[in-house]
């Protein structure tokens, strides 16, 4: 059985990381709330983005100009789909603070478009 567990962990490392993050988030709420109040989440996101950027290979960046069409299409489709889904969710929510917040997020998302 230990061999099977190790195979599952090796096959799905992202699922293991998400599960560990969920357990940590549920058990260490007070320190995480402190982190949230002090912009710690934003710092972690910056670290995540820069560490991901540092791991991009140079030859991948050299192929970027040749792939501008599919990348542009994916970006535009993502913007349109995200806006449409946000609007749809805002319509499904009963009137109140949650609906107002979701409508504001749709408005901000559309306002940020070029």
C-alpha atoms as a PDB file:
ATOM      1  CA  UNK A   1       0.000   0.000   0.000  1.00  0.00           C
ATOM      2  CA  UNK A   2       2.791   2.542   0.690  1.00  0.00           C
ATOM      3  CA  UNK A   3       3.970   2.068  -2.886  1.00  0.00           C
ATOM      4  CA  UNK A   4       0.503   2.897  -4.234  1.00  0.00           C
ATOM      5  CA  UNK A   5       0.285   6.082  -2.145  1.00  0.00           C
ATOM      6  CA  UNK A   6       3.675   7.200  -3.418  1.00  0.00           C
ATOM      7  CA  UNK A   7       2.547   6.552  -7.016  1.00  0.00           C
ATOM      8  CA  UNK A   8      -0.561   8.681  -6.514  1.00  0.00           C
ATOM      9  CA  UNK A   9       1.489  11.508  -4.968  1.00  0.00           C
ATOM     10  CA  UNK A  10       3.979  11.378  -7.841  1.00  0.00           C
ATOM     11  CA  UNK A  11       1.179  11.295 -10.416  1.00  0.00           C
ATOM     12  CA  UNK A  12      -0.769  14.246  -8.922  1.00  0.00           C
ATOM     13  CA  UNK A  13       1.657  16.583  -7.105  1.00  0.00           C
ATOM     14  CA  UNK A  14      -0.565  19.624  -7.708  1.00  0.00           C
ATOM     15  CA  UNK A  15      -3.503  17.935  -5.990  1.00  0.00           C
ATOM     16  CA  UNK A  16      -1.301  17.157  -2.999  1.00  0.00           C
ATOM     17  CA  UNK A  17      -0.145  20.786  -2.790  1.00  0.00           C
ATOM     18  CA  UNK A  18      -3.722  22.085  -3.006  1.00  0.00           C
ATOM     19  CA  UNK A  19      -4.829  19.627  -0.312  1.00  0.00           C
ATOM     20  CA  UNK A  20      -1.974  20.660   1.981  1.00  0.00           C
ATOM     21  CA  UNK A  21      -2.774  24.352   1.373  1.00  0.00           C
ATOM     22  CA  UNK A  22      -6.443  23.703   2.232  1.00  0.00           C
ATOM     23  CA  UNK A  23      -5.519  21.942   5.476  1.00  0.00           C
ATOM     24  CA  UNK A  24      -3.088  24.712   6.421  1.00  0.00           C
ATOM     25  CA  UNK A  25      -5.667  27.371   5.593  1.00  0.00           C
ATOM     26  CA  UNK A  26      -8.307  25.710   7.739  1.00  0.00           C
ATOM     27  CA  UNK A  27      -6.059  24.972  10.718  1.00  0.00           C
ATOM     28  CA  UNK A  28      -3.954  28.153  10.848  1.00  0.00           C
ATOM     29  CA  UNK A  29      -6.660  30.764  10.376  1.00  0.00           C
ATOM     30  CA  UNK A  30      -5.348  33.345  12.851  1.00  0.00           C
ATOM     31  CA  UNK A  31      -1.818  33.682  11.392  1.00  0.00           C
ATOM     32  CA  UNK A  32      -3.245  33.733   7.867  1.00  0.00           C
ATOM     33  CA  UNK A  33      -5.686  36.499   8.824  1.00  0.00           C
ATOM     34  CA  UNK A  34      -2.737  38.522  10.136  1.00  0.00           C
ATOM     35  CA  UNK A  35      -0.926  37.904   6.856  1.00  0.00           C
ATOM     36  CA  UNK A  36      -3.982  39.051   4.916  1.00  0.00           C
ATOM     37  CA  UNK A  37      -4.268  42.264   6.947  1.00  0.00           C
ATOM     38  CA  UNK A  38      -0.587  43.049   6.291  1.00  0.00           C
ATOM     39  CA  UNK A  39      -0.593  42.458   2.507  1.00  0.00           C
ATOM     40  CA  UNK A  40       1.170  39.114   2.896  1.00  0.00           C
ATOM     41  CA  UNK A  41      -0.982  37.463   0.240  1.00  0.00           C
ATOM     42  CA  UNK A  42       0.086  40.114  -2.288  1.00  0.00           C
ATOM     43  CA  UNK A  43       3.734  39.520  -1.413  1.00  0.00           C
ATOM     44  CA  UNK A  44       3.317  35.782  -1.938  1.00  0.00           C
ATOM     45  CA  UNK A  45       1.671  36.405  -5.306  1.00  0.00           C
ATOM     46  CA  UNK A  46       4.543  38.654  -6.386  1.00  0.00           C
ATOM     47  CA  UNK A  47       7.038  35.978  -5.348  1.00  0.00           C
ATOM     48  CA  UNK A  48       5.028  33.351  -7.236  1.00  0.00           C
ATOM     49  CA  UNK A  49       4.872  35.425 -10.429  1.00  0.00           C
ATOM     50  CA  UNK A  50       8.575  36.294 -10.396  1.00  0.00           C
ATOM     51  CA  UNK A  51       9.680  32.752  -9.580  1.00  0.00           C
ATOM     52  CA  UNK A  52       7.527  31.489 -12.445  1.00  0.00           C
ATOM     53  CA  UNK A  53       8.977  34.118 -14.780  1.00  0.00           C
ATOM     54  CA  UNK A  54      12.517  33.133 -13.841  1.00  0.00           C
ATOM     55  CA  UNK A  55      11.803  29.539 -14.814  1.00  0.00           C
ATOM     56  CA  UNK A  56      10.738  30.373 -18.376  1.00  0.00           C
ATOM     57  CA  UNK A  57      13.370  29.180 -20.819  1.00  0.00           C
ATOM     58  CA  UNK A  58      14.927  31.646 -23.267  1.00  0.00           C
ATOM     59  CA  UNK A  59      14.032  29.561 -26.322  1.00  0.00           C
ATOM     60  CA  UNK A  60      10.380  29.695 -25.270  1.00  0.00           C
ATOM     61  CA  UNK A  61      10.562  33.484 -25.253  1.00  0.00           C
ATOM     62  CA  UNK A  62      12.138  33.425 -28.723  1.00  0.00           C
ATOM     63  CA  UNK A  63       9.080  31.556 -30.043  1.00  0.00           C
ATOM     64  CA  UNK A  64       6.738  34.177 -28.589  1.00  0.00           C
ATOM     65  CA  UNK A  65       6.617  36.533 -31.633  1.00  0.00           C
ATOM     66  CA  UNK A  66       5.642  33.660 -33.895  1.00  0.00           C
ATOM     67  CA  UNK A  67       2.743  32.713 -31.597  1.00  0.00           C
ATOM     68  CA  UNK A  68       1.162  36.164 -31.257  1.00  0.00           C
ATOM     69  CA  UNK A  69      -2.085  35.187 -33.007  1.00  0.00           C
ATOM     70  CA  UNK A  70      -3.044  32.246 -30.778  1.00  0.00           C
ATOM     71  CA  UNK A  71      -1.920  34.156 -27.698  1.00  0.00           C
ATOM     72  CA  UNK A  72      -4.024  37.182 -28.659  1.00  0.00           C
ATOM     73  CA  UNK A  73      -7.013  34.959 -29.357  1.00  0.00           C
ATOM     74  CA  UNK A  74      -6.646  33.223 -25.991  1.00  0.00           C
ATOM     75  CA  UNK A  75      -6.338  36.568 -24.192  1.00  0.00           C
ATOM     76  CA  UNK A  76      -9.399  38.062 -25.886  1.00  0.00           C
ATOM     77  CA  UNK A  77     -11.435  34.894 -25.370  1.00  0.00           C
ATOM     78  CA  UNK A  78     -10.454  34.841 -21.693  1.00  0.00           C
ATOM     79  CA  UNK A  79     -11.485  38.453 -21.212  1.00  0.00           C
ATOM     80  CA  UNK A  80     -14.827  37.950 -22.955  1.00  0.00           C
ATOM     81  CA  UNK A  81     -15.625  34.669 -21.202  1.00  0.00           C
ATOM     82  CA  UNK A  82     -14.593  35.984 -17.758  1.00  0.00           C
ATOM     83  CA  UNK A  83     -16.724  39.093 -18.200  1.00  0.00           C
ATOM     84  CA  UNK A  84     -19.726  37.111 -19.437  1.00  0.00           C
ATOM     85  CA  UNK A  85     -19.490  34.581 -16.612  1.00  0.00           C
ATOM     86  CA  UNK A  86     -19.080  37.339 -14.024  1.00  0.00           C
ATOM     87  CA  UNK A  87     -22.167  39.098 -15.354  1.00  0.00           C
ATOM     88  CA  UNK A  88     -24.122  35.830 -15.367  1.00  0.00           C
ATOM     89  CA  UNK A  89     -23.173  35.058 -11.774  1.00  0.00           C
ATOM     90  CA  UNK A  90     -24.129  38.609 -10.768  1.00  0.00           C
ATOM     91  CA  UNK A  91     -27.577  38.026 -12.263  1.00  0.00           C
ATOM     92  CA  UNK A  92     -28.037  34.710 -10.453  1.00  0.00           C
ATOM     93  CA  UNK A  93     -27.227  36.126  -7.008  1.00  0.00           C
ATOM     94  CA  UNK A  94     -30.103  37.550  -4.970  1.00  0.00           C
ATOM     95  CA  UNK A  95     -30.031  41.339  -4.469  1.00  0.00           C
ATOM     96  CA  UNK A  96     -27.816  42.436  -1.596  1.00  0.00           C
ATOM     97  CA  UNK A  97     -24.191  43.176  -0.770  1.00  0.00           C
ATOM     98  CA  UNK A  98     -22.848  40.070  -2.515  1.00  0.00           C
ATOM     99  CA  UNK A  99     -24.648  40.921  -5.763  1.00  0.00           C
ATOM    100  CA  UNK A 100     -23.495  44.539  -5.575  1.00  0.00           C
ATOM    101  CA  UNK A 101     -19.908  43.407  -5.062  1.00  0.00           C
ATOM    102  CA  UNK A 102     -20.047  40.990  -7.971  1.00  0.00           C
ATOM    103  CA  UNK A 103     -21.558  43.670 -10.237  1.00  0.00           C
ATOM    104  CA  UNK A 104     -18.794  46.089  -9.242  1.00  0.00           C
ATOM    105  CA  UNK A 105     -16.176  43.452 -10.061  1.00  0.00           C
ATOM    106  CA  UNK A 106     -17.745  43.004 -13.527  1.00  0.00           C
ATOM    107  CA  UNK A 107     -17.746  46.771 -14.025  1.00  0.00           C
ATOM    108  CA  UNK A 108     -14.091  47.053 -12.973  1.00  0.00           C
ATOM    109  CA  UNK A 109     -13.148  44.141 -15.222  1.00  0.00           C
ATOM    110  CA  UNK A 110     -14.871  45.692 -18.262  1.00  0.00           C
ATOM    111  CA  UNK A 111     -13.507  49.165 -17.413  1.00  0.00           C
ATOM    112  CA  UNK A 112      -9.946  47.783 -17.429  1.00  0.00           C
ATOM    113  CA  UNK A 113     -10.259  46.553 -21.023  1.00  0.00           C
ATOM    114  CA  UNK A 114      -8.242  48.541 -23.574  1.00  0.00           C
END
